[in-house]
PDB file of N, CA and C in Angstrom:
ATOM      1  N   MET A   1       0.843  -1.177   0.000  1.00  0.00           N
ATOM      2  CA  MET A   1       0.000   0.000   0.000  1.00  0.00           C
ATOM      3  C   MET A   1       0.889   1.240   0.000  1.00  0.00           C
ATOM      4  N   ILE A   2       0.560   2.209  -0.814  1.00  0.00           N
ATOM      5  CA  ILE A   2       1.295   3.469  -0.875  1.00  0.00           C
ATOM      6  C   ILE A   2       0.908   4.313   0.333  1.00  0.00           C
ATOM      7  N   THR A   3       1.920   4.864   1.007  1.00  0.00           N
ATOM      8  CA  THR A   3       1.657   5.641   2.218  1.00  0.00           C
ATOM      9  C   THR A   3       1.989   7.120   2.094  1.00  0.00           C
ATOM     10  N   GLU A   4       2.843   7.492   1.136  1.00  0.00           N
ATOM     11  CA  GLU A   4       3.200   8.896   0.956  1.00  0.00           C
ATOM     12  C   GLU A   4       4.002   9.054  -0.325  1.00  0.00           C
ATOM     13  N   ILE A   5       4.227  10.289  -0.733  1.00  0.00           N
ATOM     14  CA  ILE A   5       5.136  10.586  -1.840  1.00  0.00           C
ATOM     15  C   ILE A   5       6.513  10.764  -1.229  1.00  0.00           C
ATOM     16  N   ALA A   6       7.472   9.948  -1.659  1.00  0.00           N
ATOM     17  CA  ALA A   6       8.827  10.030  -1.117  1.00  0.00           C
ATOM     18  C   ALA A   6       9.540  11.283  -1.613  1.00  0.00           C
ATOM     19  N   PHE A   7       9.439  11.537  -2.915  1.00  0.00           N
ATOM     20  CA  PHE A   7      10.022  12.738  -3.512  1.00  0.00           C
ATOM     21  C   PHE A   7       9.476  12.875  -4.920  1.00  0.00           C
ATOM     22  N   VAL A   8       9.632  14.057  -5.490  1.00  0.00           N
ATOM     23  CA  VAL A   8       9.350  14.292  -6.900  1.00  0.00           C
ATOM     24  C   VAL A   8      10.701  14.501  -7.560  1.00  0.00           C
ATOM     25  N   GLY A   9      11.012  13.703  -8.583  1.00  0.00           N
ATOM     26  CA  GLY A   9      12.279  13.808  -9.291  1.00  0.00           C
ATOM     27  C   GLY A   9      12.116  14.605 -10.577  1.00  0.00           C
ATOM     28  N   ILE A  10      13.065  15.506 -10.819  1.00  0.00           N
ATOM     29  CA  ILE A  10      13.047  16.335 -12.018  1.00  0.00           C
ATOM     30  C   ILE A  10      14.353  16.117 -12.757  1.00  0.00           C
ATOM     31  N   SER A  11      14.267  15.683 -13.997  1.00  0.00           N
ATOM     32  CA  SER A  11      15.445  15.413 -14.803  1.00  0.00           C
ATOM     33  C   SER A  11      16.019  16.697 -15.377  1.00  0.00           C
ATOM     34  N   VAL A  12      17.349  16.805 -15.305  1.00  0.00           N
ATOM     35  CA  VAL A  12      18.048  17.971 -15.863  1.00  0.00           C
ATOM     36  C   VAL A  12      19.252  17.479 -16.658  1.00  0.00           C
ATOM     37  N   THR A  13      19.734  18.291 -17.575  1.00  0.00           N
ATOM     38  CA  THR A  13      20.900  17.888 -18.372  1.00  0.00           C
ATOM     39  C   THR A  13      22.208  18.449 -17.832  1.00  0.00           C
ATOM     40  N   ASP A  14      22.144  19.554 -17.128  1.00  0.00           N
ATOM     41  CA  ASP A  14      23.346  20.210 -16.617  1.00  0.00           C
ATOM     42  C   ASP A  14      23.077  20.568 -15.156  1.00  0.00           C
ATOM     43  N   ILE A  15      23.639  19.789 -14.248  1.00  0.00           N
ATOM     44  CA  ILE A  15      23.331  19.958 -12.832  1.00  0.00           C
ATOM     45  C   ILE A  15      23.749  21.328 -12.306  1.00  0.00           C
ATOM     46  N   ALA A  16      24.877  21.850 -12.741  1.00  0.00           N
ATOM     47  CA  ALA A  16      25.329  23.170 -12.271  1.00  0.00           C
ATOM     48  C   ALA A  16      24.362  24.264 -12.727  1.00  0.00           C
ATOM     49  N   ARG A  17      23.944  24.207 -13.976  1.00  0.00           N
ATOM     50  CA  ARG A  17      22.993  25.194 -14.498  1.00  0.00           C
ATOM     51  C   ARG A  17      21.649  25.060 -13.776  1.00  0.00           C
ATOM     52  N   ALA A  18      21.208  23.819 -13.563  1.00  0.00           N
ATOM     53  CA  ALA A  18      19.940  23.587 -12.866  1.00  0.00           C
ATOM     54  C   ALA A  18      19.995  24.114 -11.441  1.00  0.00           C
ATOM     55  N   ARG A  19      21.118  23.906 -10.757  1.00  0.00           N
ATOM     56  CA  ARG A  19      21.247  24.390  -9.381  1.00  0.00           C
ATOM     57  C   ARG A  19      21.159  25.913  -9.332  1.00  0.00           C
ATOM     58  N   LYS A  20      21.690  26.590 -10.341  1.00  0.00           N
ATOM     59  CA  LYS A  20      21.571  28.057 -10.372  1.00  0.00           C
ATOM     60  C   LYS A  20      20.102  28.468 -10.404  1.00  0.00           C
ATOM     61  N   PHE A  21      19.284  27.714 -11.125  1.00  0.00           N
ATOM     62  CA  PHE A  21      17.853  28.004 -11.190  1.00  0.00           C
ATOM     63  C   PHE A  21      17.157  27.638  -9.881  1.00  0.00           C
ATOM     64  N   TYR A  22      17.303  26.396  -9.437  1.00  0.00           N
ATOM     65  CA  TYR A  22      16.580  25.929  -8.254  1.00  0.00           C
ATOM     66  C   TYR A  22      17.017  26.650  -6.982  1.00  0.00           C
ATOM     67  N   GLU A  23      18.297  26.983  -6.890  1.00  0.00           N
ATOM     68  CA  GLU A  23      18.801  27.674  -5.705  1.00  0.00           C
ATOM     69  C   GLU A  23      18.789  29.193  -5.866  1.00  0.00           C
ATOM     70  N   GLY A  24      19.046  29.685  -7.081  1.00  0.00           N
ATOM     71  CA  GLY A  24      19.103  31.125  -7.303  1.00  0.00           C
ATOM     72  C   GLY A  24      17.757  31.750  -7.595  1.00  0.00           C
ATOM     73  N   VAL A  25      16.965  31.127  -8.474  1.00  0.00           N
ATOM     74  CA  VAL A  25      15.661  31.689  -8.849  1.00  0.00           C
ATOM     75  C   VAL A  25      14.573  31.239  -7.873  1.00  0.00           C
ATOM     76  N   LEU A  26      14.468  29.923  -7.636  1.00  0.00           N
ATOM     77  CA  LEU A  26      13.438  29.434  -6.713  1.00  0.00           C
ATOM     78  C   LEU A  26      13.847  29.602  -5.252  1.00  0.00           C
ATOM     79  N   GLU A  27      15.114  29.893  -5.016  1.00  0.00           N
ATOM     80  CA  GLU A  27      15.659  30.131  -3.682  1.00  0.00           C
ATOM     81  C   GLU A  27      15.495  28.936  -2.749  1.00  0.00           C
ATOM     82  N   LEU A  28      15.632  27.712  -3.300  1.00  0.00           N
ATOM     83  CA  LEU A  28      15.592  26.504  -2.487  1.00  0.00           C
ATOM     84  C   LEU A  28      16.981  26.241  -1.917  1.00  0.00           C
ATOM     85  N   LYS A  29      17.024  25.603  -0.771  1.00  0.00           N
ATOM     86  CA  LYS A  29      18.290  25.264  -0.117  1.00  0.00           C
ATOM     87  C   LYS A  29      18.538  23.769  -0.269  1.00  0.00           C
ATOM     88  N   PRO A  30      19.725  23.374  -0.762  1.00  0.00           N
ATOM     89  CA  PRO A  30      20.004  21.947  -0.913  1.00  0.00           C
ATOM     90  C   PRO A  30      20.041  21.253   0.447  1.00  0.00           C
ATOM     91  N   ALA A  31      19.421  20.088   0.517  1.00  0.00           N
ATOM     92  CA  ALA A  31      19.391  19.302   1.747  1.00  0.00           C
ATOM     93  C   ALA A  31      20.336  18.105   1.661  1.00  0.00           C
ATOM     94  N   MET A  32      20.618  17.639   0.440  1.00  0.00           N
ATOM     95  CA  MET A  32      21.438  16.454   0.263  1.00  0.00           C
ATOM     96  C   MET A  32      21.932  16.373  -1.167  1.00  0.00           C
ATOM     97  N   GLU A  33      23.168  15.891  -1.342  1.00  0.00           N
ATOM     98  CA  GLU A  33      23.723  15.599  -2.660  1.00  0.00           C
ATOM     99  C   GLU A  33      24.151  14.143  -2.666  1.00  0.00           C
ATOM    100  N   ALA A  34      24.029  13.500  -3.837  1.00  0.00           N
ATOM    101  CA  ALA A  34      24.430  12.095  -3.966  1.00  0.00           C
ATOM    102  C   ALA A  34      24.937  11.841  -5.382  1.00  0.00           C
ATOM    103  N   MET A  35      25.400  10.650  -5.604  1.00  0.00           N
ATOM    104  CA  MET A  35      25.858  10.175  -6.913  1.00  0.00           C
ATOM    105  C   MET A  35      26.865  11.141  -7.539  1.00  0.00           C
ATOM    106  N   GLY A  36      27.857  11.519  -6.733  1.00  0.00           N
ATOM    107  CA  GLY A  36      28.904  12.389  -7.244  1.00  0.00           C
ATOM    108  C   GLY A  36      28.414  13.774  -7.636  1.00  0.00           C
ATOM    109  N   GLY A  37      27.333  14.221  -7.033  1.00  0.00           N
ATOM    110  CA  GLY A  37      26.793  15.541  -7.340  1.00  0.00           C
ATOM    111  C   GLY A  37      25.767  15.558  -8.454  1.00  0.00           C
ATOM    112  N   SER A  38      25.464  14.402  -9.052  1.00  0.00           N
ATOM    113  CA  SER A  38      24.483  14.379 -10.138  1.00  0.00           C
ATOM    114  C   SER A  38      23.046  14.257  -9.623  1.00  0.00           C
ATOM    115  N   TRP A  39      22.868  14.247  -8.314  1.00  0.00           N
ATOM    116  CA  TRP A  39      21.543  14.240  -7.690  1.00  0.00           C
ATOM    117  C   TRP A  39      21.576  15.204  -6.510  1.00  0.00           C
ATOM    118  N   VAL A  40      20.607  16.124  -6.458  1.00  0.00           N
ATOM    119  CA  VAL A  40      20.502  17.096  -5.369  1.00  0.00           C
ATOM    120  C   VAL A  40      19.048  17.113  -4.907  1.00  0.00           C
ATOM    121  N   GLU A  41      18.854  17.078  -3.591  1.00  0.00           N
ATOM    122  CA  GLU A  41      17.503  17.136  -3.043  1.00  0.00           C
ATOM    123  C   GLU A  41      17.283  18.439  -2.292  1.00  0.00           C
ATOM    124  N   TYR A  42      16.033  18.929  -2.392  1.00  0.00           N
ATOM    125  CA  TYR A  42      15.597  20.138  -1.703  1.00  0.00           C
ATOM    126  C   TYR A  42      14.361  19.779  -0.899  1.00  0.00           C
ATOM    127  N   GLU A  43      14.395  20.041   0.400  1.00  0.00           N
ATOM    128  CA  GLU A  43      13.234  19.785   1.244  1.00  0.00           C
ATOM    129  C   GLU A  43      12.354  21.021   1.264  1.00  0.00           C
ATOM    130  N   ILE A  44      11.071  20.808   1.018  1.00  0.00           N
ATOM    131  CA  ILE A  44      10.080  21.881   1.023  1.00  0.00           C
ATOM    132  C   ILE A  44       8.980  21.425   1.974  1.00  0.00           C
ATOM    133  N   GLY A  45       8.972  21.981   3.169  1.00  0.00           N
ATOM    134  CA  GLY A  45       8.060  21.479   4.190  1.00  0.00           C
ATOM    135  C   GLY A  45       8.362  20.013   4.420  1.00  0.00           C
ATOM    136  N   PRO A  46       7.344  19.166   4.478  1.00  0.00           N
ATOM    137  CA  PRO A  46       7.597  17.733   4.685  1.00  0.00           C
ATOM    138  C   PRO A  46       7.903  16.972   3.382  1.00  0.00           C
ATOM    139  N   HIS A  47       8.050  17.691   2.283  1.00  0.00           N
ATOM    140  CA  HIS A  47       8.217  17.061   0.978  1.00  0.00           C
ATOM    141  C   HIS A  47       9.610  17.323   0.402  1.00  0.00           C
ATOM    142  N   THR A  48       9.956  16.559  -0.611  1.00  0.00           N
ATOM    143  CA  THR A  48      11.283  16.681  -1.219  1.00  0.00           C
ATOM    144  C   THR A  48      11.170  16.704  -2.731  1.00  0.00           C
ATOM    145  N   ILE A  49      11.929  17.619  -3.348  1.00  0.00           N
ATOM    146  CA  ILE A  49      12.119  17.642  -4.799  1.00  0.00           C
ATOM    147  C   ILE A  49      13.578  17.293  -5.026  1.00  0.00           C
ATOM    148  N   GLY A  50      13.825  16.403  -5.963  1.00  0.00           N
ATOM    149  CA  GLY A  50      15.191  16.058  -6.327  1.00  0.00           C
ATOM    150  C   GLY A  50      15.432  16.397  -7.780  1.00  0.00           C
ATOM    151  N   ILE A  51      16.611  16.938  -8.074  1.00  0.00           N
ATOM    152  CA  ILE A  51      16.993  17.151  -9.471  1.00  0.00           C
ATOM    153  C   ILE A  51      18.139  16.201  -9.768  1.00  0.00           C
ATOM    154  N   GLY A  52      18.110  15.607 -10.948  1.00  0.00           N
ATOM    155  CA  GLY A  52      19.144  14.645 -11.290  1.00  0.00           C
ATOM    156  C   GLY A  52      19.422  14.600 -12.770  1.00  0.00           C
ATOM    157  N   SER A  53      20.631  14.186 -13.075  1.00  0.00           N
ATOM    158  CA  SER A  53      21.069  14.093 -14.464  1.00  0.00           C
ATOM    159  C   SER A  53      21.480  12.660 -14.761  1.00  0.00           C
ATOM    160  N   HIS A  54      20.825  12.059 -15.748  1.00  0.00           N
ATOM    161  CA  HIS A  54      21.154  10.697 -16.179  1.00  0.00           C
ATOM    162  C   HIS A  54      20.769  10.573 -17.650  1.00  0.00           C
ATOM    163  N   PRO A  55      21.632   9.995 -18.478  1.00  0.00           N
ATOM    164  CA  PRO A  55      21.342   9.937 -19.920  1.00  0.00           C
ATOM    165  C   PRO A  55      20.067   9.161 -20.285  1.00  0.00           C
ATOM    166  N   ASP A  56      19.622   8.250 -19.437  1.00  0.00           N
ATOM    167  CA  ASP A  56      18.405   7.484 -19.727  1.00  0.00           C
ATOM    168  C   ASP A  56      17.146   8.153 -19.179  1.00  0.00           C
ATOM    169  N   TRP A  57      17.277   9.373 -18.683  1.00  0.00           N
ATOM    170  CA  TRP A  57      16.146  10.082 -18.073  1.00  0.00           C
ATOM    171  C   TRP A  57      16.128  11.508 -18.596  1.00  0.00           C
ATOM    172  N   PRO A  58      15.541  11.753 -19.775  1.00  0.00           N
ATOM    173  CA  PRO A  58      15.571  13.096 -20.366  1.00  0.00           C
ATOM    174  C   PRO A  58      14.548  14.049 -19.742  1.00  0.00           C
ATOM    175  N   PRO A  59      14.877  15.330 -19.688  1.00  0.00           N
ATOM    176  CA  PRO A  59      13.908  16.338 -19.248  1.00  0.00           C
ATOM    177  C   PRO A  59      12.738  16.400 -20.229  1.00  0.00           C
ATOM    178  N   SER A  60      11.624  16.978 -19.778  1.00  0.00           N
ATOM    179  CA  SER A  60      10.468  17.112 -20.658  1.00  0.00           C
ATOM    180  C   SER A  60       9.587  18.266 -20.212  1.00  0.00           C
ATOM    181  N   ASP A  61       9.037  18.966 -21.179  1.00  0.00           N
ATOM    182  CA  ASP A  61       8.044  20.000 -20.872  1.00  0.00           C
ATOM    183  C   ASP A  61       6.642  19.473 -21.174  1.00  0.00           C
ATOM    184  N   LYS A  62       6.502  18.165 -21.340  1.00  0.00           N
ATOM    185  CA  LYS A  62       5.245  17.574 -21.776  1.00  0.00           C
ATOM    186  C   LYS A  62       4.449  16.874 -20.672  1.00  0.00           C
ATOM    187  N   GLY A  63       5.015  16.753 -19.473  1.00  0.00           N
ATOM    188  CA  GLY A  63       4.323  15.919 -18.489  1.00  0.00           C
ATOM    189  C   GLY A  63       4.169  16.549 -17.126  1.00  0.00           C
ATOM    190  N   THR A  64       4.455  15.759 -16.137  1.00  0.00           N
ATOM    191  CA  THR A  64       4.264  16.104 -14.745  1.00  0.00           C
ATOM    192  C   THR A  64       4.997  17.383 -14.363  1.00  0.00           C
ATOM    193  N   ALA A  65       4.351  18.182 -13.536  1.00  0.00           N
ATOM    194  CA  ALA A  65       4.966  19.418 -13.045  1.00  0.00           C
ATOM    195  C   ALA A  65       4.672  19.554 -11.557  1.00  0.00           C
ATOM    196  N   PRO A  66       5.692  19.717 -10.725  1.00  0.00           N
ATOM    197  CA  PRO A  66       5.406  19.940  -9.306  1.00  0.00           C
ATOM    198  C   PRO A  66       4.766  21.315  -9.117  1.00  0.00           C
ATOM    199  N   ALA A  67       3.828  21.389  -8.188  1.00  0.00           N
ATOM    200  CA  ALA A  67       3.196  22.659  -7.839  1.00  0.00           C
ATOM    201  C   ALA A  67       3.757  23.086  -6.490  1.00  0.00           C
ATOM    202  N   LEU A  68       4.407  24.241  -6.469  1.00  0.00           N
ATOM    203  CA  LEU A  68       5.028  24.749  -5.258  1.00  0.00           C
ATOM    204  C   LEU A  68       4.122  25.804  -4.629  1.00  0.00           C
ATOM    205  N   GLU A  69       3.656  25.535  -3.423  1.00  0.00           N
ATOM    206  CA  GLU A  69       2.767  26.445  -2.710  1.00  0.00           C
ATOM    207  C   GLU A  69       3.582  27.623  -2.167  1.00  0.00           C
ATOM    208  N   VAL A  70       3.071  28.829  -2.342  1.00  0.00           N
ATOM    209  CA  VAL A  70       3.734  30.040  -1.854  1.00  0.00           C
ATOM    210  C   VAL A  70       2.825  30.739  -0.844  1.00  0.00           C
ATOM    211  N   ASP A  71       3.416  31.561   0.014  1.00  0.00           N
ATOM    212  CA  ASP A  71       2.606  32.262   1.007  1.00  0.00           C
ATOM    213  C   ASP A  71       2.011  33.556   0.467  1.00  0.00           C
ATOM    214  N   ASP A  72       2.709  34.223  -0.436  1.00  0.00           N
ATOM    215  CA  ASP A  72       2.252  35.496  -1.003  1.00  0.00           C
ATOM    216  C   ASP A  72       2.386  35.392  -2.523  1.00  0.00           C
ATOM    217  N   PHE A  73       1.284  35.058  -3.192  1.00  0.00           N
ATOM    218  CA  PHE A  73       1.335  34.788  -4.624  1.00  0.00           C
ATOM    219  C   PHE A  73       1.824  35.976  -5.444  1.00  0.00           C
ATOM    220  N   PRO A  74       1.225  37.175  -5.308  1.00  0.00           N
ATOM    221  CA  PRO A  74       1.694  38.291  -6.146  1.00  0.00           C
ATOM    222  C   PRO A  74       3.174  38.606  -5.927  1.00  0.00           C
ATOM    223  N   ARG A  75       3.602  38.618  -4.679  1.00  0.00           N
ATOM    224  CA  ARG A  75       5.008  38.928  -4.376  1.00  0.00           C
ATOM    225  C   ARG A  75       5.925  37.832  -4.897  1.00  0.00           C
ATOM    226  N   SER A  76       5.512  36.581  -4.802  1.00  0.00           N
ATOM    227  CA  SER A  76       6.335  35.472  -5.305  1.00  0.00           C
ATOM    228  C   SER A  76       6.516  35.580  -6.815  1.00  0.00           C
ATOM    229  N   ILE A  77       5.466  35.883  -7.531  1.00  0.00           N
ATOM    230  CA  ILE A  77       5.569  36.024  -8.988  1.00  0.00           C
ATOM    231  C   ILE A  77       6.496  37.183  -9.326  1.00  0.00           C
ATOM    232  N   GLU A  78       6.316  38.305  -8.627  1.00  0.00           N
ATOM    233  CA  GLU A  78       7.175  39.472  -8.854  1.00  0.00           C
ATOM    234  C   GLU A  78       8.641  39.123  -8.598  1.00  0.00           C
ATOM    235  N   ARG A  79       8.902  38.447  -7.502  1.00  0.00           N
ATOM    236  CA  ARG A  79      10.278  38.081  -7.126  1.00  0.00           C
ATOM    237  C   ARG A  79      10.883  37.109  -8.144  1.00  0.00           C
ATOM    238  N   LEU A  80      10.122  36.126  -8.565  1.00  0.00           N
ATOM    239  CA  LEU A  80      10.622  35.159  -9.554  1.00  0.00           C
ATOM    240  C   LEU A  80      10.951  35.848 -10.875  1.00  0.00           C
ATOM    241  N   LYS A  81      10.137  36.801 -11.265  1.00  0.00           N
ATOM    242  CA  LYS A  81      10.426  37.553 -12.491  1.00  0.00           C
ATOM    243  C   LYS A  81      11.692  38.395 -12.323  1.00  0.00           C
ATOM    244  N   GLU A  82      11.856  39.023 -11.147  1.00  0.00           N
ATOM    245  CA  GLU A  82      13.073  39.791 -10.877  1.00  0.00           C
ATOM    246  C   GLU A  82      14.322  38.919 -10.970  1.00  0.00           C
ATOM    247  N   LEU A  83      14.193  37.653 -10.565  1.00  0.00           N
ATOM    248  CA  LEU A  83      15.325  36.724 -10.558  1.00  0.00           C
ATOM    249  C   LEU A  83      15.518  36.017 -11.902  1.00  0.00           C
ATOM    250  N   GLY A  84      14.711  36.371 -12.894  1.00  0.00           N
ATOM    251  CA  GLY A  84      14.881  35.821 -14.230  1.00  0.00           C
ATOM    252  C   GLY A  84      14.031  34.614 -14.552  1.00  0.00           C
ATOM    253  N   GLY A  85      12.992  34.361 -13.784  1.00  0.00           N
ATOM    254  CA  GLY A  85      12.111  33.236 -14.070  1.00  0.00           C
ATOM    255  C   GLY A  85      11.446  33.371 -15.431  1.00  0.00           C
ATOM    256  N   ASN A  86      11.437  32.283 -16.198  1.00  0.00           N
ATOM    257  CA  ASN A  86      10.854  32.244 -17.537  1.00  0.00           C
ATOM    258  C   ASN A  86       9.434  31.672 -17.448  1.00  0.00           C
ATOM    259  N   PHE A  87       8.444  32.557 -17.407  1.00  0.00           N
ATOM    260  CA  PHE A  87       7.057  32.121 -17.271  1.00  0.00           C
ATOM    261  C   PHE A  87       6.472  31.742 -18.631  1.00  0.00           C
ATOM    262  N   THR A  88       5.858  30.560 -18.678  1.00  0.00           N
ATOM    263  CA  THR A  88       5.182  30.108 -19.891  1.00  0.00           C
ATOM    264  C   THR A  88       3.672  30.244 -19.760  1.00  0.00           C
ATOM    265  N   MET A  89       3.201  30.447 -18.523  1.00  0.00           N
ATOM    266  CA  MET A  89       1.794  30.752 -18.283  1.00  0.00           C
ATOM    267  C   MET A  89       1.765  31.830 -17.213  1.00  0.00           C
ATOM    268  N   GLU A  90       1.260  32.987 -17.584  1.00  0.00           N
ATOM    269  CA  GLU A  90       1.159  34.101 -16.646  1.00  0.00           C
ATOM    270  C   GLU A  90       0.132  33.762 -15.564  1.00  0.00           C
ATOM    271  N   PRO A  91       0.132  34.495 -14.464  1.00  0.00           N
ATOM    272  CA  PRO A  91      -0.798  34.202 -13.376  1.00  0.00           C
ATOM    273  C   PRO A  91      -2.242  34.056 -13.850  1.00  0.00           C
ATOM    274  N   LEU A  92      -2.882  33.065 -13.283  1.00  0.00           N
ATOM    275  CA  LEU A  92      -4.256  32.699 -13.622  1.00  0.00           C
ATOM    276  C   LEU A  92      -5.001  32.463 -12.322  1.00  0.00           C
ATOM    277  N   GLU A  93      -6.210  32.963 -12.252  1.00  0.00           N
ATOM    278  CA  GLU A  93      -7.043  32.730 -11.074  1.00  0.00           C
ATOM    279  C   GLU A  93      -8.115  31.716 -11.426  1.00  0.00           C
ATOM    280  N   THR A  94      -8.267  30.694 -10.581  1.00  0.00           N
ATOM    281  CA  THR A  94      -9.334  29.710 -10.724  1.00  0.00           C
ATOM    282  C   THR A  94     -10.258  29.861  -9.526  1.00  0.00           C
ATOM    283  N   PRO A  95     -11.360  29.134  -9.486  1.00  0.00           N
ATOM    284  CA  PRO A  95     -12.233  29.240  -8.314  1.00  0.00           C
ATOM    285  C   PRO A  95     -11.557  28.837  -6.994  1.00  0.00           C
ATOM    286  N   VAL A  96     -10.507  28.014  -7.056  1.00  0.00           N
ATOM    287  CA  VAL A  96      -9.888  27.514  -5.828  1.00  0.00           C
ATOM    288  C   VAL A  96      -8.454  27.974  -5.586  1.00  0.00           C
ATOM    289  N   CYS A  97      -7.817  28.596  -6.604  1.00  0.00           N
ATOM    290  CA  CYS A  97      -6.409  28.940  -6.431  1.00  0.00           C
ATOM    291  C   CYS A  97      -5.954  30.014  -7.419  1.00  0.00           C
ATOM    292  N   HIS A  98      -4.721  30.436  -7.212  1.00  0.00           N
ATOM    293  CA  HIS A  98      -3.984  31.263  -8.164  1.00  0.00           C
ATOM    294  C   HIS A  98      -2.793  30.413  -8.590  1.00  0.00           C
ATOM    295  N   MET A  99      -2.409  30.473  -9.864  1.00  0.00           N
ATOM    296  CA  MET A  99      -1.245  29.713 -10.300  1.00  0.00           C
ATOM    297  C   MET A  99      -0.618  30.353 -11.529  1.00  0.00           C
ATOM    298  N   ALA A 100       0.636  30.019 -11.732  1.00  0.00           N
ATOM    299  CA  ALA A 100       1.396  30.430 -12.908  1.00  0.00           C
ATOM    300  C   ALA A 100       2.417  29.325 -13.155  1.00  0.00           C
ATOM    301  N   ILE A 101       2.929  29.244 -14.378  1.00  0.00           N
ATOM    302  CA  ILE A 101       3.904  28.195 -14.706  1.00  0.00           C
ATOM    303  C   ILE A 101       5.163  28.841 -15.242  1.00  0.00           C
ATOM    304  N   LEU A 102       6.294  28.396 -14.692  1.00  0.00           N
ATOM    305  CA  LEU A 102       7.571  28.798 -15.259  1.00  0.00           C
ATOM    306  C   LEU A 102       8.353  27.546 -15.614  1.00  0.00           C
ATOM    307  N   GLN A 103       9.428  27.725 -16.367  1.00  0.00           N
ATOM    308  CA  GLN A 103      10.249  26.599 -16.796  1.00  0.00           C
ATOM    309  C   GLN A 103      11.651  26.737 -16.245  1.00  0.00           C
ATOM    310  N   ASP A 104      12.244  25.575 -15.924  1.00  0.00           N
ATOM    311  CA  ASP A 104      13.647  25.567 -15.541  1.00  0.00           C
ATOM    312  C   ASP A 104      14.486  25.618 -16.817  1.00  0.00           C
ATOM    313  N   PRO A 105      15.806  25.665 -16.735  1.00  0.00           N
ATOM    314  CA  PRO A 105      16.637  25.785 -17.947  1.00  0.00           C
ATOM    315  C   PRO A 105      16.482  24.633 -18.941  1.00  0.00           C
ATOM    316  N   ASP A 106      15.973  23.462 -18.482  1.00  0.00           N
ATOM    317  CA  ASP A 106      15.757  22.331 -19.387  1.00  0.00           C
ATOM    318  C   ASP A 106      14.344  22.267 -19.933  1.00  0.00           C
ATOM    319  N   GLY A 107      13.494  23.221 -19.572  1.00  0.00           N
ATOM    320  CA  GLY A 107      12.122  23.241 -20.073  1.00  0.00           C
ATOM    321  C   GLY A 107      11.120  22.563 -19.165  1.00  0.00           C
ATOM    322  N   ASN A 108      11.571  21.943 -18.062  1.00  0.00           N
ATOM    323  CA  ASN A 108      10.639  21.332 -17.108  1.00  0.00           C
ATOM    324  C   ASN A 108       9.728  22.409 -16.546  1.00  0.00           C
ATOM    325  N   LYS A 109       8.448  22.094 -16.434  1.00  0.00           N
ATOM    326  CA  LYS A 109       7.487  23.061 -15.916  1.00  0.00           C
ATOM    327  C   LYS A 109       7.413  22.989 -14.397  1.00  0.00           C
ATOM    328  N   ILE A 110       7.323  24.166 -13.774  1.00  0.00           N
ATOM    329  CA  ILE A 110       7.164  24.307 -12.331  1.00  0.00           C
ATOM    330  C   ILE A 110       5.945  25.213 -12.119  1.00  0.00           C
ATOM    331  N   VAL A 111       4.969  24.731 -11.366  1.00  0.00           N
ATOM    332  CA  VAL A 111       3.770  25.510 -11.088  1.00  0.00           C
ATOM    333  C   VAL A 111       3.989  26.278  -9.783  1.00  0.00           C
ATOM    334  N   ILE A 112       3.758  27.571  -9.822  1.00  0.00           N
ATOM    335  CA  ILE A 112       3.747  28.391  -8.622  1.00  0.00           C
ATOM    336  C   ILE A 112       2.280  28.534  -8.240  1.00  0.00           C
ATOM    337  N   HIS A 113       1.938  28.206  -7.001  1.00  0.00           N
ATOM    338  CA  HIS A 113       0.549  27.973  -6.625  1.00  0.00           C
ATOM    339  C   HIS A 113       0.213  28.617  -5.284  1.00  0.00           C
ATOM    340  N   LYS A 114      -1.028  29.106  -5.166  1.00  0.00           N
ATOM    341  CA  LYS A 114      -1.548  29.595  -3.894  1.00  0.00           C
ATOM    342  C   LYS A 114      -3.009  29.223  -3.769  1.00  0.00           C
ATOM    343  N   ARG A 115      -3.323  28.373  -2.776  1.00  0.00           N
ATOM    344  CA  ARG A 115      -4.718  28.006  -2.537  1.00  0.00           C
ATOM    345  C   ARG A 115      -5.483  29.201  -1.984  1.00  0.00           C
ATOM    346  N   LYS A 116      -6.750  29.295  -2.361  1.00  0.00           N
ATOM    347  CA  LYS A 116      -7.624  30.323  -1.783  1.00  0.00           C
ATOM    348  C   LYS A 116      -8.164  29.791  -0.457  1.00  0.00           C
ATOM    349  N   GLN A 117      -8.448  30.725   0.436  1.00  0.00           N
ATOM    350  CA  GLN A 117      -9.073  30.356   1.716  1.00  0.00           C
ATOM    351  C   GLN A 117     -10.540  30.037   1.451  1.00  0.00           C
ATOM    352  N   HIS A 118     -11.039  29.027   2.105  1.00  0.00           N
ATOM    353  CA  HIS A 118     -12.465  28.655   1.925  1.00  0.00           C
ATOM    354  C   HIS A 118     -13.300  29.211   3.028  1.00  0.00           C
TER     355      HIS A 118
END
């Protein structure tokens, strides 16, 4: 039986370039490195995102995208743009949330998200 999500893995082609994005633009702090530096994990609350480089695991802008919850949606979008975030979907309001999509240097999509209070 599945009990939790262990981590979300994001494939990258250049770990140094990816780290500049995840640490510089998203301002995540590395929690662990493995496999000679080709795998880096970032803890976000009780969850983990890992970035890794492996020739049999190509990046893609066609599939799964982690949604990162923010505390202040307008300020987060403004800050990400100041830091050079490449948005492919500008902020959008739905009945339950606000969200926008940006891409990492390999084209992987990252959703910036804020739930509305009910």
